[in-house]
Amino acid sequence: MEILLWILAAAWMAIAVLTTVTAWRYAQGLPFPEVPQTAPPAAVLVAIKGVSDLSRSFFARLRHQSYPAYRVIAAVESEDDPAFLMLKEESKKPGAPLRIVIAGLADRTGQKVWNLLATLDGLEPEDGIVAFADADTLPGPDWLSRLAASLVNPGREAVTGYRWIIPADSRLSSAAVAAANASIITLPRLPSVKNHCWGGTFAIRREALERLSIRRSWEGAFSDDAQMTLACKEARVPVFSPRQSLLLSPVAMNWREAFSFGCRQYRIIWIHDRGLWALAAFGTLLPLTGATAAMAMAFQGSLAASALLAASLMLGELRYRTRRKIFAALWGEDAEAERLRLYWRTERWLRPIWLSFHALCIVAAPGSRRIRWAGVEYLVRGPQDVLVLRSQPQKKAAAAPPQDG
């Protein structure tokens, strides 16, 4: 039994060292200038449902990028969607051209995927870069230029990013979601093995997109991200993750909403990629079991176990400080200091709480194939086998949960 406890503790420490090193490497040299050597015309595709203060801010930011030649194509399910009126009003304001597409109600497809399929019809032959963005993020003025530079300068075909969740209120539940999400931001992503696409920030060369047969991959699909990942793999299009391709995503959730959000994310992964789900479960549950094993041995008087616990606290502090350094490099902290105080305290001092919450979401995810997303309930029987069960009235909110797939 003691040997097993030591194996768990040693594996836990190995993961702690690895994640600390990868976080440190991620932070090196940030921020650095990213200017595209050429600027091919770009089209930014957005699927939106409902309206909030966050989505209004998103479009205001999206339409004022520093990139010289781009336009926005946004799709809603119908003119009855509150987002339609918001987009009509936004299109009259100064900024990049905004085209509105009516997708119609999805029948056996996720509504977001259905909307994105409709945006593809708005592409023009001159669009050299096609980018995707989620309307619950806050793109900075250089967001599109950085994506384009990551494609053009090294000669890549596709790049993706990831969200950095921040709380939009002062609830511990929102801070716990943000802290759990931050723990995976700096994990290594290897294009040569597999790199999961995130639809909130994804850009691809037009000729590469044509090779993907993305319409076939999205047909009857629920998750745009997972199916885009599969399509890139089948077409042998490597997907890279530039270090500055992170987007802020404010959330405001109670514990029930937070658990529903976390389960949804890992339920999607379970349905599409059991191996990735298993890796996430291993990387989250092992630290909990390893720490428990080390504490059990420390209580029995083991000085070595006590040393492991002390080392883990030091490594956790290093990761915390490194993430703060990354955040400050990309966005600064002064403007968000008051709102982020609880978030940083939660990440630093309440690690057992948010790590246990994270693990609970992963473990609970395979328990059902029902997913509620943006007011619609789905039965997801397979990657491209979706049944729309029922819709719910839209609720207006200042900051909605992330709508990525």
Protein backbone atom coordinates (compact mmCIF):
# COMPACT_ATOMS: atom_id res chain seq x y z
CA MET A 1 0.00 0.00 0.00
CA GLU A 2 2.83 2.39 0.87
CA ILE A 3 4.47 1.74 -2.50
CA LEU A 4 1.23 2.68 -4.26
CA LEU A 5 1.01 5.91 -2.27
CA TRP A 6 4.58 6.80 -3.25
CA ILE A 7 3.86 6.06 -6.92
CA LEU A 8 0.84 8.38 -6.83
CA ALA A 9 2.79 11.09 -5.06
CA ALA A 10 5.73 10.81 -7.48
CA ALA A 11 3.44 10.97 -10.53
CA TRP A 12 1.73 14.00 -9.05
CA MET A 13 5.05 15.77 -8.61
CA ALA A 14 6.09 14.91 -12.16
CA ILE A 15 2.92 16.56 -13.48
CA ALA A 16 3.49 19.58 -11.24
CA VAL A 17 7.02 20.04 -12.54
CA LEU A 18 5.94 19.59 -16.17
CA THR A 19 3.07 22.09 -15.96
CA THR A 20 5.30 24.60 -14.17
CA VAL A 21 7.98 24.34 -16.85
CA THR A 22 5.48 24.67 -19.70
CA ALA A 23 3.90 27.73 -18.05
CA TRP A 24 7.34 29.31 -17.62
CA ARG A 25 8.23 28.64 -21.25
CA TYR A 26 4.88 30.09 -22.38
CA ALA A 27 5.64 33.38 -20.64
CA GLN A 28 9.11 33.89 -22.13
CA GLY A 29 9.38 36.96 -24.35
CA LEU A 30 5.78 38.11 -24.00
CA PRO A 31 4.61 40.41 -25.39
CA PHE A 32 6.30 40.57 -28.78
CA PRO A 33 5.25 42.45 -31.93
CA GLU A 34 3.35 40.47 -34.56
CA VAL A 35 2.88 42.31 -37.85
CA PRO A 36 1.85 40.35 -40.96
CA GLN A 37 4.33 40.68 -43.81
CA THR A 38 1.36 40.75 -46.18
CA ALA A 39 -2.30 41.36 -45.43
CA PRO A 40 -4.58 39.18 -47.59
CA PRO A 41 -8.26 40.18 -47.45
CA ALA A 42 -9.92 38.41 -44.53
CA ALA A 43 -13.45 37.37 -43.66
CA VAL A 44 -14.37 36.90 -40.00
CA LEU A 45 -17.27 34.48 -39.45
CA VAL A 46 -19.41 34.71 -36.33
CA ALA A 47 -22.41 32.68 -35.18
CA ILE A 48 -24.52 34.48 -32.61
CA LYS A 49 -27.70 33.76 -30.66
CA GLY A 50 -29.24 36.28 -28.29
CA VAL A 51 -27.78 39.60 -27.22
CA SER A 52 -25.92 40.88 -24.18
CA ASP A 53 -23.67 43.74 -23.18
CA LEU A 54 -20.78 41.40 -23.88
CA SER A 55 -21.88 40.64 -27.45
CA ARG A 56 -22.33 44.36 -28.13
CA SER A 57 -18.82 45.03 -26.89
CA PHE A 58 -17.53 42.12 -28.97
CA PHE A 59 -18.86 43.50 -32.26
CA ALA A 60 -17.69 47.03 -31.44
CA ARG A 61 -14.19 45.64 -30.89
CA LEU A 62 -14.31 43.25 -33.84
CA ARG A 63 -15.24 45.99 -36.30
CA HIS A 64 -12.31 48.18 -35.25
CA GLN A 65 -9.35 45.89 -35.77
CA SER A 66 -6.00 47.25 -36.91
CA TYR A 67 -6.00 44.84 -39.86
CA PRO A 68 -6.30 46.81 -43.13
CA ALA A 69 -8.70 44.69 -45.21
CA TYR A 70 -11.38 42.56 -43.62
CA ARG A 71 -15.13 42.20 -43.24
CA VAL A 72 -17.45 40.44 -40.82
CA ILE A 73 -20.16 37.91 -41.66
CA ALA A 74 -22.53 37.25 -38.75
CA ALA A 75 -25.32 34.67 -38.79
CA VAL A 76 -28.45 34.51 -36.63
CA GLU A 77 -31.16 31.87 -36.68
CA SER A 78 -34.02 34.28 -37.51
CA GLU A 79 -35.08 37.90 -37.51
CA ASP A 80 -36.90 37.19 -34.24
CA ASP A 81 -33.58 36.60 -32.52
CA PRO A 82 -32.71 39.75 -30.50
CA ALA A 83 -29.23 39.52 -32.02
CA PHE A 84 -30.67 40.45 -35.42
CA LEU A 85 -31.76 43.92 -34.29
CA MET A 86 -28.48 44.44 -32.49
CA LEU A 87 -26.56 43.55 -35.65
CA LYS A 88 -28.72 45.88 -37.76
CA GLU A 89 -27.95 48.73 -35.38
CA GLU A 90 -24.26 47.83 -35.29
CA SER A 91 -24.01 47.72 -39.10
CA LYS A 92 -25.00 51.41 -39.25
CA LYS A 93 -22.06 52.44 -37.09
CA PRO A 94 -18.53 53.14 -38.38
CA GLY A 95 -16.28 50.12 -38.68
CA ALA A 96 -15.50 47.12 -40.86
CA PRO A 97 -18.28 45.99 -43.23
CA LEU A 98 -20.82 43.77 -41.48
CA ARG A 99 -22.99 41.34 -43.41
CA ILE A 100 -25.94 39.70 -41.65
CA VAL A 101 -27.05 36.20 -42.66
CA ILE A 102 -30.29 34.50 -41.62
CA ALA A 103 -29.54 30.81 -41.10
CA GLY A 104 -32.95 29.51 -40.05
CA LEU A 105 -33.72 27.12 -37.22
CA ALA A 106 -31.53 24.04 -36.95
CA ASP A 107 -33.32 20.69 -37.10
CA ARG A 108 -30.74 17.94 -36.58
CA THR A 109 -27.68 20.13 -36.11
CA GLY A 110 -26.36 22.35 -33.34
CA GLN A 111 -27.62 25.89 -33.89
CA LYS A 112 -24.12 27.37 -33.76
CA VAL A 113 -22.88 24.96 -36.42
CA TRP A 114 -25.98 25.66 -38.52
CA ASN A 115 -25.31 29.39 -38.30
CA LEU A 116 -21.66 28.91 -39.24
CA LEU A 117 -22.66 26.86 -42.27
CA ALA A 118 -24.75 29.83 -43.38
CA THR A 119 -21.79 32.21 -43.04
CA LEU A 120 -19.79 30.10 -45.48
CA ASP A 121 -22.21 31.16 -48.22
CA GLY A 122 -21.08 34.75 -47.70
CA LEU A 123 -17.44 34.10 -48.59
CA GLU A 124 -16.06 35.84 -51.67
CA PRO A 125 -13.28 34.61 -54.01
CA GLU A 126 -10.90 37.33 -52.81
CA ASP A 127 -11.07 36.24 -49.15
CA GLY A 128 -7.56 34.93 -48.59
CA ILE A 129 -7.95 34.31 -44.87
CA VAL A 130 -11.04 32.99 -43.11
CA ALA A 131 -11.22 33.59 -39.36
CA PHE A 132 -13.76 32.45 -36.79
CA ALA A 133 -14.61 34.19 -33.53
CA ASP A 134 -17.05 33.75 -30.63
CA ALA A 135 -19.28 36.64 -29.60
CA ASP A 136 -18.63 36.12 -25.89
CA THR A 137 -14.99 37.23 -26.10
CA LEU A 138 -13.19 40.58 -26.05
CA PRO A 139 -10.77 40.79 -29.00
CA GLY A 140 -8.11 43.45 -28.70
CA PRO A 141 -7.38 45.78 -31.63
CA ASP A 142 -4.47 43.57 -32.81
CA TRP A 143 -6.37 40.25 -32.59
CA LEU A 144 -6.82 39.75 -36.34
CA SER A 145 -3.38 41.11 -37.22
CA ARG A 146 -1.76 38.65 -34.83
CA LEU A 147 -3.70 35.74 -36.29
CA ALA A 148 -2.79 36.80 -39.82
CA ALA A 149 0.87 37.22 -38.88
CA SER A 150 0.89 33.74 -37.34
CA LEU A 151 -0.34 32.38 -40.67
CA VAL A 152 1.52 34.52 -43.19
CA ASN A 153 4.95 35.07 -41.67
CA PRO A 154 5.88 31.41 -40.94
CA GLY A 155 3.89 30.08 -43.91
CA ARG A 156 1.34 28.14 -41.87
CA GLU A 157 -2.10 27.01 -43.01
CA ALA A 158 -4.14 27.17 -39.79
CA VAL A 159 -3.81 28.65 -36.32
CA THR A 160 -6.05 28.59 -33.28
CA GLY A 161 -6.14 30.14 -29.84
CA TYR A 162 -7.88 29.73 -26.53
CA ARG A 163 -10.00 31.69 -24.08
CA TRP A 164 -8.77 33.21 -20.85
CA ILE A 165 -11.87 33.28 -18.69
CA ILE A 166 -12.21 36.13 -16.21
CA PRO A 167 -15.09 36.65 -13.75
CA ALA A 168 -17.60 39.36 -14.61
CA ASP A 169 -18.92 39.47 -11.04
CA SER A 170 -17.71 38.90 -7.48
CA ARG A 171 -19.03 35.35 -6.99
CA LEU A 172 -16.66 32.57 -5.97
CA SER A 173 -18.29 30.29 -8.52
CA SER A 174 -17.24 32.57 -11.40
CA ALA A 175 -13.73 32.84 -10.00
CA ALA A 176 -13.48 29.05 -9.63
CA VAL A 177 -14.43 28.54 -13.30
CA ALA A 178 -11.80 31.09 -14.31
CA ALA A 179 -9.11 29.46 -12.16
CA ALA A 180 -9.90 25.95 -13.43
CA ASN A 181 -9.77 27.18 -17.02
CA ALA A 182 -6.48 29.02 -16.44
CA SER A 183 -4.83 25.80 -15.32
CA ILE A 184 -4.97 24.39 -18.87
CA ILE A 185 -4.13 27.53 -20.86
CA THR A 186 -0.37 26.99 -20.89
CA LEU A 187 -0.40 23.23 -21.47
CA PRO A 188 1.67 22.13 -24.50
CA ARG A 189 -0.21 21.83 -27.79
CA LEU A 190 1.60 19.80 -30.44
CA PRO A 191 0.50 20.19 -34.08
CA SER A 192 2.55 17.13 -35.03
CA VAL A 193 0.42 14.99 -32.69
CA LYS A 194 -2.93 16.73 -32.39
CA ASN A 195 -3.99 20.25 -31.55
CA HIS A 196 -7.65 20.81 -30.71
CA CYS A 197 -9.19 23.74 -32.58
CA TRP A 198 -11.15 26.37 -30.70
CA GLY A 199 -13.81 28.17 -32.70
CA GLY A 200 -13.50 31.29 -30.56
CA THR A 201 -10.20 32.06 -32.29
CA PHE A 202 -9.38 30.16 -35.43
CA ALA A 203 -7.90 31.30 -38.73
CA ILE A 204 -7.15 29.35 -41.87
CA ARG A 205 -5.93 30.11 -45.37
CA ARG A 206 -8.74 30.00 -47.91
CA GLU A 207 -7.11 27.29 -50.02
CA ALA A 208 -6.66 25.13 -46.92
CA LEU A 209 -10.31 25.63 -45.95
CA GLU A 210 -11.39 24.42 -49.37
CA ARG A 211 -9.43 21.19 -48.80
CA LEU A 212 -11.20 20.49 -45.51
CA SER A 213 -14.65 19.69 -46.89
CA ILE A 214 -15.90 21.45 -43.79
CA ARG A 215 -19.53 21.36 -44.91
CA ARG A 216 -19.41 17.57 -44.84
CA SER A 217 -17.72 17.59 -41.43
CA TRP A 218 -20.30 20.01 -40.00
CA GLU A 219 -23.32 18.26 -41.46
CA GLY A 220 -25.49 17.11 -38.54
CA ALA A 221 -22.76 18.12 -36.07
CA PHE A 222 -23.06 19.68 -32.64
CA SER A 223 -19.49 20.91 -32.04
CA ASP A 224 -17.84 23.15 -34.60
CA ASP A 225 -14.51 22.86 -32.76
CA ALA A 226 -14.30 19.08 -32.60
CA GLN A 227 -15.37 18.61 -36.20
CA MET A 228 -12.97 21.30 -37.40
CA THR A 229 -10.20 19.45 -35.57
CA LEU A 230 -11.18 16.22 -37.30
CA ALA A 231 -11.42 17.90 -40.70
CA CYS A 232 -7.93 19.40 -40.32
CA LYS A 233 -6.54 16.02 -39.33
CA GLU A 234 -8.12 14.26 -42.32
CA ALA A 235 -6.88 16.96 -44.73
CA ARG A 236 -3.42 16.94 -43.11
CA VAL A 237 -3.61 20.61 -42.21
CA PRO A 238 -1.49 21.14 -39.06
CA VAL A 239 -3.01 23.56 -36.54
CA PHE A 240 -0.66 25.74 -34.53
CA SER A 241 -1.35 27.69 -31.32
CA PRO A 242 0.58 30.99 -31.22
CA ARG A 243 1.22 32.10 -27.65
CA GLN A 244 -0.46 35.48 -28.12
CA SER A 245 -3.67 34.05 -29.57
CA LEU A 246 -5.55 34.23 -26.27
CA LEU A 247 -8.86 36.04 -25.86
CA LEU A 248 -10.50 37.34 -22.70
CA SER A 249 -13.91 35.79 -22.01
CA PRO A 250 -15.87 37.27 -19.07
CA VAL A 251 -18.36 34.98 -17.29
CA ALA A 252 -20.88 35.37 -14.49
CA MET A 253 -22.15 32.05 -13.14
CA ASN A 254 -23.63 30.59 -9.99
CA TRP A 255 -22.45 27.13 -8.96
CA ARG A 256 -25.22 25.36 -10.87
CA GLU A 257 -24.45 27.26 -14.07
CA ALA A 258 -20.74 26.70 -13.57
CA PHE A 259 -21.21 22.95 -13.18
CA SER A 260 -23.48 22.83 -16.24
CA PHE A 261 -20.89 24.72 -18.28
CA GLY A 262 -18.02 22.50 -17.17
CA CYS A 263 -19.96 19.29 -17.80
CA ARG A 264 -20.98 20.52 -21.24
CA GLN A 265 -17.40 21.16 -22.28
CA TYR A 266 -16.19 17.73 -21.19
CA ARG A 267 -19.33 15.98 -22.46
CA ILE A 268 -18.52 17.32 -25.91
CA ILE A 269 -14.97 16.03 -25.56
CA TRP A 270 -16.24 12.62 -24.33
CA ILE A 271 -18.53 12.27 -27.34
CA HIS A 272 -15.90 13.29 -29.88
CA ASP A 273 -12.55 12.19 -28.45
CA ARG A 274 -12.44 9.65 -25.60
CA GLY A 275 -8.64 9.75 -25.57
CA LEU A 276 -8.57 13.49 -24.94
CA TRP A 277 -11.20 13.11 -22.21
CA ALA A 278 -9.11 10.37 -20.56
CA LEU A 279 -6.01 12.59 -20.71
CA ALA A 280 -7.92 15.46 -19.08
CA ALA A 281 -9.26 13.11 -16.40
CA PHE A 282 -5.78 11.73 -15.72
CA GLY A 283 -4.19 15.16 -15.52
CA THR A 284 -6.87 16.44 -13.12
CA LEU A 285 -7.55 13.44 -10.89
CA LEU A 286 -3.92 12.41 -10.42
CA PRO A 287 -2.92 15.65 -8.64
CA LEU A 288 -5.85 15.20 -6.26
CA THR A 289 -5.02 11.58 -5.49
CA GLY A 290 -1.29 12.25 -5.34
CA ALA A 291 -1.73 15.15 -2.92
CA THR A 292 -4.04 13.01 -0.78
CA ALA A 293 -1.44 10.23 -0.73
CA ALA A 294 1.32 12.64 0.25
CA MET A 295 -0.77 14.14 3.05
CA ALA A 296 -1.64 10.67 4.37
CA MET A 297 2.07 9.77 4.55
CA ALA A 298 2.96 13.16 6.04
CA PHE A 299 0.40 12.64 8.82
CA GLN A 300 2.13 9.34 9.53
CA GLY A 301 5.39 11.18 10.10
CA SER A 302 7.07 10.90 6.69
CA LEU A 303 9.48 13.80 6.24
CA ALA A 304 9.86 12.97 2.53
CA ALA A 305 6.10 13.31 2.03
CA SER A 306 6.13 16.62 3.90
CA ALA A 307 8.91 17.79 1.58
CA LEU A 308 6.80 16.84 -1.44
CA LEU A 309 3.90 18.88 -0.10
CA ALA A 310 6.17 21.87 0.45
CA ALA A 311 7.59 21.49 -3.07
CA SER A 312 4.09 21.33 -4.54
CA LEU A 313 3.17 24.59 -2.81
CA MET A 314 6.28 26.25 -4.25
CA LEU A 315 5.53 24.98 -7.75
CA GLY A 316 1.92 26.11 -7.46
CA GLU A 317 3.11 29.56 -6.46
CA LEU A 318 5.44 29.66 -9.46
CA ARG A 319 2.60 28.72 -11.82
CA TYR A 320 0.36 31.37 -10.26
CA ARG A 321 3.01 34.07 -10.63
CA THR A 322 3.75 32.98 -14.19
CA ARG A 323 0.09 33.20 -15.20
CA ARG A 324 -0.14 36.67 -13.70
CA LYS A 325 2.94 37.61 -15.71
CA ILE A 326 1.34 36.31 -18.93
CA PHE A 327 -1.90 38.15 -18.18
CA ALA A 328 -0.10 41.42 -17.48
CA ALA A 329 2.01 41.06 -20.62
CA LEU A 330 -1.02 40.57 -22.88
CA TRP A 331 -3.61 42.86 -21.28
CA GLY A 332 -2.16 44.69 -18.28
CA GLU A 333 -3.84 44.50 -14.90
CA ASP A 334 -4.60 48.05 -13.82
CA ALA A 335 -7.97 48.36 -15.52
CA GLU A 336 -9.14 44.99 -14.21
CA ALA A 337 -7.40 44.99 -10.81
CA GLU A 338 -10.49 45.36 -8.62
CA ARG A 339 -12.61 42.90 -10.58
CA LEU A 340 -9.81 40.33 -10.81
CA ARG A 341 -8.79 40.41 -7.16
CA LEU A 342 -11.09 37.53 -6.14
CA TYR A 343 -10.05 35.55 -9.22
CA TRP A 344 -6.35 35.77 -8.42
CA ARG A 345 -6.94 34.97 -4.75
CA THR A 346 -9.04 31.97 -5.72
CA GLU A 347 -6.38 30.63 -8.06
CA ARG A 348 -3.63 31.16 -5.51
CA TRP A 349 -5.20 30.08 -2.22
CA LEU A 350 -8.19 27.90 -3.09
CA ARG A 351 -6.53 25.40 -5.42
CA PRO A 352 -8.19 22.34 -3.80
CA ILE A 353 -11.63 23.89 -4.39
CA TRP A 354 -11.30 24.76 -8.05
CA LEU A 355 -9.29 21.64 -8.85
CA SER A 356 -11.96 19.44 -7.21
CA PHE A 357 -14.65 21.34 -9.10
CA HIS A 358 -12.73 20.79 -12.34
CA ALA A 359 -12.40 17.06 -11.64
CA LEU A 360 -16.10 16.76 -10.78
CA CYS A 361 -17.09 18.26 -14.14
CA ILE A 362 -14.85 15.80 -15.97
CA VAL A 363 -16.11 12.75 -14.08
CA ALA A 364 -19.78 13.74 -14.40
CA ALA A 365 -19.59 14.50 -18.14
CA PRO A 366 -20.12 10.94 -19.51
CA GLY A 367 -23.29 10.50 -17.45
CA SER A 368 -25.63 11.85 -20.13
CA ARG A 369 -25.80 12.82 -23.78
CA ARG A 370 -28.19 15.70 -23.18
CA ILE A 371 -26.62 19.12 -23.59
CA ARG A 372 -28.29 22.46 -22.95
CA TRP A 373 -26.65 25.29 -24.82
CA ALA A 374 -27.76 28.86 -25.46
CA GLY A 375 -31.37 28.13 -24.51
CA VAL A 376 -31.69 24.94 -26.59
CA GLU A 377 -31.61 21.37 -25.31
CA TYR A 378 -30.01 18.72 -27.51
CA LEU A 379 -29.60 14.98 -27.47
CA VAL A 380 -26.14 14.37 -28.91
CA ARG A 381 -25.98 10.70 -29.84
CA GLY A 382 -22.77 11.02 -31.83
CA PRO A 383 -20.43 13.57 -33.42
CA GLN A 384 -22.85 14.02 -36.34
CA ASP A 385 -26.05 12.65 -34.82
CA VAL A 386 -27.92 15.46 -33.07
CA LEU A 387 -31.57 15.76 -32.09
CA VAL A 388 -32.99 19.16 -31.11
CA LEU A 389 -35.29 18.51 -28.16
CA ARG A 390 -36.69 21.87 -27.17
CA SER A 391 -35.90 25.57 -27.05
CA GLN A 392 -36.14 27.97 -24.14
CA PRO A 393 -36.74 31.73 -24.15
CA GLN A 394 -33.63 33.84 -24.44
CA LYS A 395 -32.42 35.59 -21.32
CA LYS A 396 -30.62 38.87 -21.48
CA ALA A 397 -27.41 38.91 -19.47
CA ALA A 398 -24.41 41.15 -19.03
CA ALA A 399 -22.00 38.27 -19.47
CA ALA A 400 -23.16 34.91 -20.70
CA PRO A 401 -21.31 31.60 -20.35
CA PRO A 402 -18.92 30.84 -23.21
CA GLN A 403 -20.77 29.60 -26.30
CA ASP A 404 -17.90 27.64 -27.83
CA GLY A 405 -18.31 24.07 -28.92
